[in-house]
Amino acid sequence: MLSESEFYDVLRQGLWVAVVISIPVLAVALGVGLIIGLFQALTSIQEATLTFVPKLAAIAAVYWVTMGFMTESLVSYFQDTLLPRIAGV
């Protein structure tokens, strides 16, 4: 049985893994959104698809590039942290 401090430590580690694997996608979405927003403000073009399509393409590209890193991080967390706790080691 996990103690309260062990439970919170596992939870903290899981949240940290979630933050680390989401940073690349969120950073690119923010950057592309800012660039497109600046472009729209400078040209007075207010088209919704102009914001959505490039951001979606950039997010898909970054996800594709970082997919191995994300998978490795999740598998490492599962094998190094969760499995030993489940097995009671």
Protein backbone atom coordinates (compact mmCIF):
# COMPACT_ATOMS: atom_id res chain seq x y z
CA MET A 1 0.00 0.00 0.00
CA LEU A 2 1.31 3.42 -0.94
CA SER A 3 1.72 6.00 1.74
CA GLU A 4 0.31 9.45 1.19
CA SER A 5 3.73 10.95 0.43
CA GLU A 6 4.54 8.18 -2.09
CA PHE A 7 1.19 8.71 -3.78
CA TYR A 8 1.80 12.44 -4.13
CA ASP A 9 5.32 11.81 -5.39
CA VAL A 10 4.04 9.46 -8.13
CA LEU A 11 1.31 11.96 -8.99
CA ARG A 12 3.84 14.81 -9.15
CA GLN A 13 6.10 12.79 -11.44
CA GLY A 14 3.15 11.94 -13.71
CA LEU A 15 2.12 15.57 -13.96
CA TRP A 16 5.71 16.58 -14.73
CA VAL A 17 5.87 14.00 -17.54
CA ALA A 18 2.60 15.40 -18.92
CA VAL A 19 4.01 18.94 -18.85
CA VAL A 20 7.29 17.92 -20.50
CA ILE A 21 5.67 16.02 -23.35
CA SER A 22 3.13 18.77 -24.03
CA ILE A 23 5.61 21.67 -24.14
CA PRO A 24 6.75 21.23 -27.79
CA VAL A 25 3.21 21.12 -29.18
CA LEU A 26 1.96 23.99 -27.05
CA ALA A 27 5.00 26.16 -27.80
CA VAL A 28 4.55 25.71 -31.55
CA ALA A 29 0.81 26.40 -31.30
CA LEU A 30 1.56 29.59 -29.38
CA GLY A 31 4.27 30.71 -31.81
CA VAL A 32 2.21 30.04 -34.93
CA GLY A 33 -0.84 31.67 -33.35
CA LEU A 34 1.15 34.80 -32.54
CA ILE A 35 2.63 35.00 -36.04
CA ILE A 36 -0.74 34.50 -37.72
CA GLY A 37 -2.40 36.97 -35.34
CA LEU A 38 0.26 39.57 -36.12
CA PHE A 39 -0.17 38.95 -39.84
CA GLN A 40 -3.95 39.34 -39.54
CA ALA A 41 -3.57 42.56 -37.55
CA LEU A 42 -1.13 44.04 -40.07
CA THR A 43 -3.20 43.14 -43.13
CA SER A 44 -6.70 43.52 -41.61
CA ILE A 45 -7.63 40.05 -42.86
CA GLN A 46 -10.05 38.43 -40.43
CA GLU A 47 -10.46 34.93 -41.80
CA ALA A 48 -10.98 32.08 -39.32
CA THR A 49 -9.43 29.41 -41.50
CA LEU A 50 -6.27 31.49 -41.84
CA THR A 51 -5.67 30.90 -38.15
CA PHE A 52 -6.89 27.32 -37.91
CA VAL A 53 -5.25 25.56 -40.85
CA PRO A 54 -1.60 26.68 -40.37
CA LYS A 55 -1.81 26.07 -36.63
CA LEU A 56 -3.24 22.59 -37.19
CA ALA A 57 -0.53 21.79 -39.75
CA ALA A 58 2.24 23.02 -37.43
CA ILE A 59 0.88 21.04 -34.49
CA ALA A 60 0.62 17.89 -36.61
CA ALA A 61 4.19 18.34 -37.85
CA VAL A 62 5.60 18.88 -34.35
CA TYR A 63 3.61 15.95 -33.03
CA TRP A 64 5.00 13.75 -35.79
CA VAL A 65 8.58 14.86 -35.06
CA THR A 66 8.34 14.49 -31.27
CA MET A 67 6.23 11.33 -31.23
CA GLY A 68 9.24 9.15 -30.35
CA PHE A 69 10.25 11.42 -27.47
CA MET A 70 6.69 11.46 -26.11
CA THR A 71 6.37 7.69 -26.33
CA GLU A 72 9.77 7.12 -24.72
CA SER A 73 8.91 9.50 -21.86
CA LEU A 74 5.59 7.80 -21.14
CA VAL A 75 7.03 4.29 -21.37
CA SER A 76 9.94 5.27 -19.11
CA TYR A 77 7.56 6.74 -16.52
CA PHE A 78 5.38 3.65 -16.66
CA GLN A 79 8.26 1.16 -16.39
CA ASP A 80 10.38 3.06 -13.87
CA THR A 81 7.68 4.51 -11.63
CA LEU A 82 4.30 2.86 -12.00
CA LEU A 83 5.15 -0.80 -12.59
CA PRO A 84 7.35 -1.11 -9.47
CA ARG A 85 4.56 0.48 -7.40
CA ILE A 86 1.94 -1.85 -8.89
CA ALA A 87 4.15 -4.91 -8.36
CA GLY A 88 4.87 -3.76 -4.79
CA VAL A 89 8.63 -3.59 -5.21
